[in-house]
Amino acid sequence: MNTYPYDPSLDWVIESPNGEFVASCLIWYDEVNKVGLLEPVGTNSGFRRMGLASSVSKLALNALSEKGAKTAVVVCTSPDACELYKSIGFEQFAQTKSFHRLK
């Protein structure tokens, strides 16, 4: 939270009725380029497949838009994450390939 450009207004959580954090989304905003990076986005394993990651991401994206952002980006690291981001309107723009050398 002490790291620039952390902005608490772009840090969103959803709580269960008993106050447990069950989903969260943080956006790092680059004000110069008007771009936000969603990272991390997550849901407690006991609350998955309920639309909570989608909801918390949309709330954070709305707050990002209110800050003046024109673009938001994500990095997909799993098929489930990619499906989540596609379901809330993200489109694939680039692809990263990782290489390693065998011994």
C-alpha atoms as a PDB file:
ATOM      1  CA  MET A   1       0.000   0.000   0.000  1.00  0.00           C
ATOM      2  CA  ASN A   2       3.035   2.267   0.306  1.00  0.00           C
ATOM      3  CA  THR A   3       4.096   1.576  -3.282  1.00  0.00           C
ATOM      4  CA  TYR A   4       3.541   4.231  -5.928  1.00  0.00           C
ATOM      5  CA  PRO A   5       1.090   4.403  -7.720  1.00  0.00           C
ATOM      6  CA  TYR A   6      -1.154   2.531  -5.264  1.00  0.00           C
ATOM      7  CA  ASP A   7      -4.553   4.223  -5.052  1.00  0.00           C
ATOM      8  CA  PRO A   8      -6.979   2.895  -2.419  1.00  0.00           C
ATOM      9  CA  SER A   9      -9.966   4.047  -4.492  1.00  0.00           C
ATOM     10  CA  LEU A  10      -8.983   1.419  -7.085  1.00  0.00           C
ATOM     11  CA  ASP A  11      -8.679  -1.406  -4.542  1.00  0.00           C
ATOM     12  CA  TRP A  12     -12.016  -3.234  -4.395  1.00  0.00           C
ATOM     13  CA  VAL A  13     -13.295  -6.186  -2.348  1.00  0.00           C
ATOM     14  CA  ILE A  14     -16.540  -8.067  -1.925  1.00  0.00           C
ATOM     15  CA  GLU A  15     -17.340  -9.367   1.553  1.00  0.00           C
ATOM     16  CA  SER A  16     -19.509 -12.313   2.549  1.00  0.00           C
ATOM     17  CA  PRO A  17     -22.398 -11.639   4.947  1.00  0.00           C
ATOM     18  CA  ASN A  18     -20.064 -12.504   7.861  1.00  0.00           C
ATOM     19  CA  GLY A  19     -17.434  -9.961   6.738  1.00  0.00           C
ATOM     20  CA  GLU A  20     -14.983 -12.371   5.093  1.00  0.00           C
ATOM     21  CA  PHE A  21     -13.220 -11.014   1.985  1.00  0.00           C
ATOM     22  CA  VAL A  22     -14.340 -13.332  -0.837  1.00  0.00           C
ATOM     23  CA  ALA A  23     -13.287 -11.487  -4.018  1.00  0.00           C
ATOM     24  CA  SER A  24     -10.914  -8.657  -4.785  1.00  0.00           C
ATOM     25  CA  CYS A  25      -9.532  -6.573  -7.624  1.00  0.00           C
ATOM     26  CA  LEU A  26      -6.779  -3.977  -7.547  1.00  0.00           C
ATOM     27  CA  ILE A  27      -6.017  -1.634 -10.423  1.00  0.00           C
ATOM     28  CA  TRP A  28      -2.677   0.100 -10.866  1.00  0.00           C
ATOM     29  CA  TYR A  29      -3.303   3.340 -12.752  1.00  0.00           C
ATOM     30  CA  ASP A  30      -0.815   5.143 -14.987  1.00  0.00           C
ATOM     31  CA  GLU A  31      -2.243   8.680 -15.063  1.00  0.00           C
ATOM     32  CA  VAL A  32       0.160   9.890 -17.781  1.00  0.00           C
ATOM     33  CA  ASN A  33      -0.893   7.236 -20.301  1.00  0.00           C
ATOM     34  CA  LYS A  34      -4.442   6.864 -18.941  1.00  0.00           C
ATOM     35  CA  VAL A  35      -4.019   3.067 -18.609  1.00  0.00           C
ATOM     36  CA  GLY A  36      -4.967   0.787 -15.739  1.00  0.00           C
ATOM     37  CA  LEU A  37      -3.647  -2.705 -15.026  1.00  0.00           C
ATOM     38  CA  LEU A  38      -5.972  -5.116 -13.203  1.00  0.00           C
ATOM     39  CA  GLU A  39      -3.690  -7.082 -10.939  1.00  0.00           C
ATOM     40  CA  PRO A  40      -4.401  -9.038  -8.857  1.00  0.00           C
ATOM     41  CA  VAL A  41      -7.958 -10.294  -9.289  1.00  0.00           C
ATOM     42  CA  GLY A  42      -9.026 -13.184  -7.112  1.00  0.00           C
ATOM     43  CA  THR A  43     -11.858 -15.100  -5.485  1.00  0.00           C
ATOM     44  CA  ASN A  44     -11.807 -17.250  -2.363  1.00  0.00           C
ATOM     45  CA  SER A  45     -12.045 -20.895  -3.480  1.00  0.00           C
ATOM     46  CA  GLY A  46     -15.301 -21.431  -1.562  1.00  0.00           C
ATOM     47  CA  PHE A  47     -17.013 -18.629  -3.492  1.00  0.00           C
ATOM     48  CA  ARG A  48     -15.958 -19.319  -7.077  1.00  0.00           C
ATOM     49  CA  ARG A  49     -18.363 -19.613 -10.029  1.00  0.00           C
ATOM     50  CA  MET A  50     -20.750 -17.072  -8.457  1.00  0.00           C
ATOM     51  CA  GLY A  51     -19.801 -14.070 -10.625  1.00  0.00           C
ATOM     52  CA  LEU A  52     -17.932 -12.320  -7.816  1.00  0.00           C
ATOM     53  CA  ALA A  53     -14.626 -11.836  -9.676  1.00  0.00           C
ATOM     54  CA  SER A  54     -16.576 -10.377 -12.572  1.00  0.00           C
ATOM     55  CA  SER A  55     -18.544  -8.064 -10.282  1.00  0.00           C
ATOM     56  CA  VAL A  56     -15.554  -6.803  -8.310  1.00  0.00           C
ATOM     57  CA  SER A  57     -13.602  -6.245 -11.557  1.00  0.00           C
ATOM     58  CA  LYS A  58     -16.468  -4.229 -13.051  1.00  0.00           C
ATOM     59  CA  LEU A  59     -16.671  -2.074  -9.920  1.00  0.00           C
ATOM     60  CA  ALA A  60     -12.940  -1.399 -10.095  1.00  0.00           C
ATOM     61  CA  LEU A  61     -13.123  -0.671 -13.846  1.00  0.00           C
ATOM     62  CA  ASN A  62     -15.926   1.839 -13.272  1.00  0.00           C
ATOM     63  CA  ALA A  63     -13.796   3.609 -10.663  1.00  0.00           C
ATOM     64  CA  LEU A  64     -10.865   3.571 -13.104  1.00  0.00           C
ATOM     65  CA  SER A  65     -13.019   5.177 -15.793  1.00  0.00           C
ATOM     66  CA  GLU A  66     -14.071   7.880 -13.342  1.00  0.00           C
ATOM     67  CA  LYS A  67     -10.363   8.661 -12.830  1.00  0.00           C
ATOM     68  CA  GLY A  68     -10.079   9.380 -16.567  1.00  0.00           C
ATOM     69  CA  ALA A  69      -8.566   6.135 -17.853  1.00  0.00           C
ATOM     70  CA  LYS A  70      -9.041   5.323 -21.515  1.00  0.00           C
ATOM     71  CA  THR A  71      -7.633   1.770 -21.477  1.00  0.00           C
ATOM     72  CA  ALA A  72      -7.445  -1.177 -19.099  1.00  0.00           C
ATOM     73  CA  VAL A  73      -5.198  -4.203 -19.500  1.00  0.00           C
ATOM     74  CA  VAL A  74      -4.856  -7.616 -17.890  1.00  0.00           C
ATOM     75  CA  VAL A  75      -2.350 -10.440 -18.109  1.00  0.00           C
ATOM     76  CA  CYS A  76      -3.922 -13.884 -18.530  1.00  0.00           C
ATOM     77  CA  THR A  77      -2.041 -16.684 -16.852  1.00  0.00           C
ATOM     78  CA  SER A  78      -4.683 -19.420 -17.065  1.00  0.00           C
ATOM     79  CA  PRO A  79      -7.622 -20.400 -19.287  1.00  0.00           C
ATOM     80  CA  ASP A  80     -10.068 -19.594 -16.453  1.00  0.00           C
ATOM     81  CA  ALA A  81      -8.626 -16.099 -16.043  1.00  0.00           C
ATOM     82  CA  CYS A  82      -8.821 -15.490 -19.793  1.00  0.00           C
ATOM     83  CA  GLU A  83     -12.477 -16.557 -19.820  1.00  0.00           C
ATOM     84  CA  LEU A  84     -13.238 -14.192 -16.933  1.00  0.00           C
ATOM     85  CA  TYR A  85     -11.641 -11.248 -18.710  1.00  0.00           C
ATOM     86  CA  LYS A  86     -13.364 -12.057 -22.007  1.00  0.00           C
ATOM     87  CA  SER A  87     -16.713 -12.244 -20.179  1.00  0.00           C
ATOM     88  CA  ILE A  88     -16.337  -8.640 -18.987  1.00  0.00           C
ATOM     89  CA  GLY A  89     -15.332  -7.245 -22.364  1.00  0.00           C
ATOM     90  CA  PHE A  90     -11.572  -7.656 -22.711  1.00  0.00           C
ATOM     91  CA  GLU A  91     -10.209  -8.722 -26.080  1.00  0.00           C
ATOM     92  CA  GLN A  92      -6.879 -10.377 -26.785  1.00  0.00           C
ATOM     93  CA  PHE A  93      -4.351  -7.802 -27.944  1.00  0.00           C
ATOM     94  CA  ALA A  94      -0.994  -9.509 -27.579  1.00  0.00           C
ATOM     95  CA  GLN A  95       0.422 -12.840 -26.556  1.00  0.00           C
ATOM     96  CA  THR A  96       3.533 -13.585 -24.550  1.00  0.00           C
ATOM     97  CA  LYS A  97       5.499 -16.764 -25.149  1.00  0.00           C
ATOM     98  CA  SER A  98       7.876 -18.119 -22.531  1.00  0.00           C
ATOM     99  CA  PHE A  99      10.929 -20.120 -23.518  1.00  0.00           C
ATOM    100  CA  HIS A 100      13.374 -22.086 -21.457  1.00  0.00           C
ATOM    101  CA  ARG A 101      16.443 -24.079 -22.300  1.00  0.00           C
ATOM    102  CA  LEU A 102      16.540 -27.785 -21.539  1.00  0.00           C
ATOM    103  CA  LYS A 103      19.570 -29.067 -19.677  1.00  0.00           C
END
